[in-house]
Amino acid sequence: MTNVYIIGSGKLATELLNGLDLNQAYKVLAWKDRNNHEAEGAIVVHAGSGRELNEAILYCKKTGSRLIELSTDKDYKQENWDIPVVLCPNTNILMLKFMNMIEKSGHTFSQYQISIIESHQANKTSVPGTAVAMAKSLNLQNNAIESVRDVKRQQFELAISEQNLTRHAYHRIQISDDKSCSIVLETKVFGDSPYVDGVKEIICAVGKNHLENRLYDVMELIDNQWI
């Protein structure tokens, strides 16, 4: 049985501890309940603010464990990793596959006018990692992203219902030839389930496949058809 340790005390970490429904090959535990045995070979899911990240990295080195990183607040690609790390700025699998499509074809729209709008719950202050990834795929700078946190705009302009204002992720890409043709790609994610279910798929993929000691973007798991 593989232990899965959840790091963090926020909403996502709590949802993972309470809602991850894994098969009997895995056991979900809080980080404080970790086993420091050198041959642990666990999966560590970092859904925290970063205070415990260095400790988690040292633990993975010591025990031969793998790290799934859910934070978007640090440039992990600048690090030299000697453990397997899977970087997941988003864990909604359908959204990830949509983003994978944009990543592979975004460069073909470089001659057109492109705008990106993203909306999340009003108290979200962290970097909107999904929108940043979309912008990169479309060759746009981060300052081209329009972030909406005003609840009235969310309700009346973006059609986010009142019950979803406190937990939603909305993205809209508009591509126009500035003449007579435009394309709008719109994504809406409501509630908690898509993220928890996505983390479950990622954990199972990490558990079933051999990972090298390096950084993996979650998109690589999609390209490998692991998820």
Protein backbone atom coordinates (compact mmCIF):
# COMPACT_ATOMS: atom_id res chain seq x y z
CA MET A 1 0.00 0.00 0.00
CA THR A 2 1.26 3.48 -0.92
CA ASN A 3 0.74 6.29 1.55
CA VAL A 4 -0.48 9.60 0.11
CA TYR A 5 0.33 12.59 2.32
CA ILE A 6 -1.59 15.84 1.93
CA ILE A 7 0.23 19.04 2.90
CA GLY A 8 -1.79 22.16 3.65
CA SER A 9 -4.55 23.53 5.85
CA GLY A 10 -6.58 25.46 3.27
CA LYS A 11 -9.76 24.57 1.43
CA LEU A 12 -8.21 22.39 -1.28
CA ALA A 13 -6.10 20.41 1.19
CA THR A 14 -9.16 19.83 3.37
CA GLU A 15 -11.19 18.72 0.34
CA LEU A 16 -8.45 16.26 -0.61
CA LEU A 17 -8.21 14.80 2.89
CA ASN A 18 -11.97 14.39 3.12
CA GLY A 19 -12.88 13.65 -0.48
CA LEU A 20 -10.12 11.58 -2.11
CA ASP A 21 -11.66 8.20 -2.88
CA LEU A 22 -8.70 6.05 -3.87
CA ASN A 23 -8.57 2.28 -4.25
CA GLN A 24 -7.09 -0.06 -1.67
CA ALA A 25 -3.60 0.41 -3.08
CA TYR A 26 -3.44 3.88 -1.49
CA LYS A 27 -3.99 5.35 1.97
CA VAL A 28 -4.64 9.10 2.34
CA LEU A 29 -3.09 10.76 5.40
CA ALA A 30 -2.36 14.24 6.70
CA TRP A 31 1.26 15.40 6.46
CA LYS A 32 1.60 15.36 10.25
CA ASP A 33 0.97 11.59 10.21
CA ARG A 34 3.86 10.83 7.86
CA ASN A 35 6.17 7.88 8.30
CA ASN A 36 9.85 8.82 8.20
CA HIS A 37 10.97 5.31 7.27
CA GLU A 38 13.68 5.54 4.64
CA ALA A 39 11.98 3.07 2.29
CA GLU A 40 8.56 4.74 2.47
CA GLY A 41 8.14 5.44 -1.26
CA ALA A 42 5.08 7.61 -0.67
CA ILE A 43 3.32 10.22 -2.78
CA VAL A 44 3.33 13.72 -1.28
CA VAL A 45 0.70 16.21 -2.46
CA HIS A 46 1.68 19.80 -1.66
CA ALA A 47 -1.46 21.94 -1.46
CA GLY A 48 -0.08 24.40 1.09
CA SER A 49 1.29 27.92 1.13
CA GLY A 50 4.93 26.84 0.85
CA ARG A 51 6.00 26.89 4.50
CA GLU A 52 6.46 23.12 4.53
CA LEU A 53 7.75 22.70 0.98
CA ASN A 54 11.45 22.43 1.84
CA GLU A 55 10.63 19.85 4.49
CA ALA A 56 8.58 17.92 1.94
CA ILE A 57 11.44 17.95 -0.58
CA LEU A 58 13.90 16.66 2.03
CA TYR A 59 11.41 13.97 3.01
CA CYS A 60 11.03 12.84 -0.61
CA LYS A 61 14.82 12.68 -1.02
CA LYS A 62 15.19 10.63 2.16
CA THR A 63 12.36 8.18 1.50
CA GLY A 64 12.34 7.87 -2.29
CA SER A 65 8.94 9.52 -2.49
CA ARG A 66 7.32 11.52 -5.29
CA LEU A 67 6.02 15.07 -5.02
CA ILE A 68 2.86 16.42 -6.65
CA GLU A 69 2.96 20.22 -6.52
CA LEU A 70 -0.37 22.07 -6.71
CA SER A 71 0.93 25.58 -5.98
CA THR A 72 1.42 28.20 -8.73
CA ASP A 73 3.25 30.79 -6.61
CA LYS A 74 6.84 29.75 -7.39
CA ASP A 75 8.87 29.24 -10.54
CA TYR A 76 9.73 25.58 -9.99
CA LYS A 77 11.33 25.26 -13.41
CA GLN A 78 14.35 27.18 -12.12
CA GLU A 79 15.14 24.45 -9.59
CA ASN A 80 17.47 21.50 -10.08
CA TRP A 81 15.43 18.51 -8.98
CA ASP A 82 16.76 15.17 -7.79
CA ILE A 83 13.32 13.78 -6.96
CA PRO A 84 10.29 13.22 -9.21
CA VAL A 85 8.10 16.34 -9.13
CA VAL A 86 4.81 16.75 -11.01
CA LEU A 87 3.81 20.40 -11.39
CA CYS A 88 0.02 20.85 -11.56
CA PRO A 89 -1.20 24.47 -11.85
CA ASN A 90 -4.62 22.96 -12.57
CA THR A 91 -6.03 19.54 -11.68
CA ASN A 92 -9.28 19.56 -13.66
CA ILE A 93 -8.52 16.89 -16.27
CA LEU A 94 -10.97 18.13 -18.92
CA MET A 95 -9.56 21.65 -18.56
CA LEU A 96 -6.02 20.30 -18.77
CA LYS A 97 -6.81 18.54 -22.03
CA PHE A 98 -8.34 21.76 -23.38
CA MET A 99 -5.19 23.63 -22.34
CA ASN A 100 -3.07 20.93 -23.97
CA MET A 101 -4.92 21.58 -27.23
CA ILE A 102 -4.30 25.34 -26.89
CA GLU A 103 -0.64 24.73 -26.09
CA LYS A 104 -0.12 22.72 -29.25
CA SER A 105 -2.02 25.01 -31.64
CA GLY A 106 -1.85 28.45 -30.00
CA HIS A 107 1.08 29.63 -32.11
CA THR A 108 -1.05 29.41 -35.27
CA PHE A 109 -3.15 32.39 -34.08
CA SER A 110 -0.24 34.80 -33.63
CA GLN A 111 -1.41 37.18 -36.37
CA TYR A 112 -4.83 37.74 -34.77
CA GLN A 113 -6.19 39.92 -31.97
CA ILE A 114 -6.41 37.82 -28.80
CA SER A 115 -7.90 38.62 -25.40
CA ILE A 116 -8.10 36.54 -22.21
CA ILE A 117 -10.48 37.10 -19.30
CA GLU A 118 -10.32 35.02 -16.12
CA SER A 119 -12.60 35.08 -13.09
CA HIS A 120 -12.35 33.35 -9.73
CA GLN A 121 -13.91 33.86 -6.32
CA ALA A 122 -13.35 37.37 -4.98
CA ASN A 123 -10.92 36.29 -2.24
CA LYS A 124 -8.47 34.61 -4.63
CA THR A 125 -5.16 36.48 -4.49
CA SER A 126 -2.73 33.88 -5.84
CA VAL A 127 -1.46 33.81 -9.42
CA PRO A 128 -4.19 32.57 -11.84
CA GLY A 129 -2.04 29.71 -13.08
CA THR A 130 -4.46 28.41 -15.71
CA ALA A 131 -4.80 31.83 -17.35
CA VAL A 132 -1.02 32.33 -17.27
CA ALA A 133 -0.55 28.98 -19.03
CA MET A 134 -3.14 29.91 -21.65
CA ALA A 135 -1.46 33.27 -22.24
CA LYS A 136 1.92 31.60 -22.69
CA SER A 137 0.46 29.16 -25.24
CA LEU A 138 -0.99 32.10 -27.17
CA ASN A 139 2.27 34.09 -26.96
CA LEU A 140 0.76 36.76 -24.71
CA GLN A 141 2.32 38.47 -21.69
CA ASN A 142 0.75 37.96 -18.27
CA ASN A 143 -0.32 41.61 -18.15
CA ALA A 144 -2.63 40.90 -21.10
CA ILE A 145 -4.85 38.81 -18.82
CA GLU A 146 -7.93 40.62 -17.51
CA SER A 147 -8.80 39.37 -14.02
CA VAL A 148 -12.34 39.84 -12.75
CA ARG A 149 -13.04 39.74 -9.00
CA ASP A 150 -15.98 42.14 -8.83
CA VAL A 151 -19.06 40.04 -8.02
CA LYS A 152 -21.45 42.23 -10.01
CA ARG A 153 -19.37 41.83 -13.16
CA GLN A 154 -19.11 38.12 -12.48
CA GLN A 155 -22.89 37.79 -12.21
CA PHE A 156 -24.12 40.09 -14.93
CA GLU A 157 -21.30 40.13 -17.49
CA LEU A 158 -19.93 36.59 -17.14
CA ALA A 159 -23.22 34.92 -16.09
CA ILE A 160 -21.82 33.31 -12.94
CA SER A 161 -24.78 32.34 -10.77
CA GLU A 162 -24.94 33.58 -7.18
CA GLN A 163 -24.44 30.12 -5.68
CA ASN A 164 -21.19 29.70 -7.62
CA LEU A 165 -19.61 33.06 -6.79
CA THR A 166 -17.65 31.61 -3.87
CA ARG A 167 -16.12 28.75 -5.86
CA HIS A 168 -15.70 29.03 -9.60
CA ALA A 169 -13.08 29.25 -12.33
CA TYR A 170 -14.03 31.03 -15.54
CA HIS A 171 -11.84 31.65 -18.60
CA ARG A 172 -12.69 33.22 -21.93
CA ILE A 173 -10.38 33.46 -24.92
CA GLN A 174 -11.47 35.61 -27.83
CA ILE A 175 -9.59 35.45 -31.14
CA SER A 176 -10.51 37.93 -33.85
CA ASP A 177 -9.31 38.89 -37.30
CA ASP A 178 -10.48 42.44 -36.45
CA LYS A 179 -12.83 42.30 -39.45
CA SER A 180 -15.71 39.89 -39.80
CA CYS A 181 -14.71 36.74 -37.92
CA SER A 182 -14.13 35.97 -34.25
CA ILE A 183 -13.89 32.82 -32.14
CA VAL A 184 -14.78 32.63 -28.44
CA LEU A 185 -13.54 29.74 -26.29
CA GLU A 186 -15.18 29.75 -22.86
CA THR A 187 -14.65 27.44 -19.91
CA LYS A 188 -16.64 27.29 -16.67
CA VAL A 189 -15.80 25.16 -13.66
CA PHE A 190 -18.08 25.17 -10.61
CA GLY A 191 -17.66 23.54 -7.21
CA ASP A 192 -15.00 21.24 -5.80
CA SER A 193 -15.41 17.87 -7.47
CA PRO A 194 -13.42 18.39 -10.72
CA TYR A 195 -10.27 19.30 -8.78
CA VAL A 196 -10.46 16.45 -6.27
CA ASP A 197 -11.25 13.93 -9.02
CA GLY A 198 -8.35 15.28 -11.06
CA VAL A 199 -5.88 14.93 -8.19
CA LYS A 200 -7.08 11.35 -7.81
CA GLU A 201 -6.25 10.60 -11.47
CA ILE A 202 -2.85 12.27 -11.15
CA ILE A 203 -2.02 10.30 -7.98
CA CYS A 204 -2.94 7.04 -9.71
CA ALA A 205 -0.83 7.96 -12.75
CA VAL A 206 2.17 8.75 -10.56
CA GLY A 207 1.64 5.52 -8.62
CA LYS A 208 1.43 3.29 -11.70
CA ASN A 209 4.30 4.72 -13.75
CA HIS A 210 8.03 5.08 -13.23
CA LEU A 211 9.05 8.72 -12.88
CA GLU A 212 12.61 9.98 -13.28
CA ASN A 213 14.18 12.39 -10.81
CA ARG A 214 13.16 15.58 -12.59
CA LEU A 215 10.33 18.06 -13.04
CA TYR A 216 7.27 16.90 -14.98
CA ASP A 217 4.59 19.28 -16.15
CA VAL A 218 1.17 17.69 -15.79
CA MET A 219 0.79 18.13 -19.57
CA GLU A 220 3.48 15.50 -20.03
CA LEU A 221 1.23 13.01 -18.25
CA ILE A 222 -1.49 13.82 -20.80
CA ASP A 223 0.94 13.47 -23.71
CA ASN A 224 1.98 10.07 -22.31
CA GLN A 225 -1.71 9.12 -22.05
CA TRP A 226 -1.27 8.41 -18.34
CA ILE A 227 -4.38 10.48 -17.60
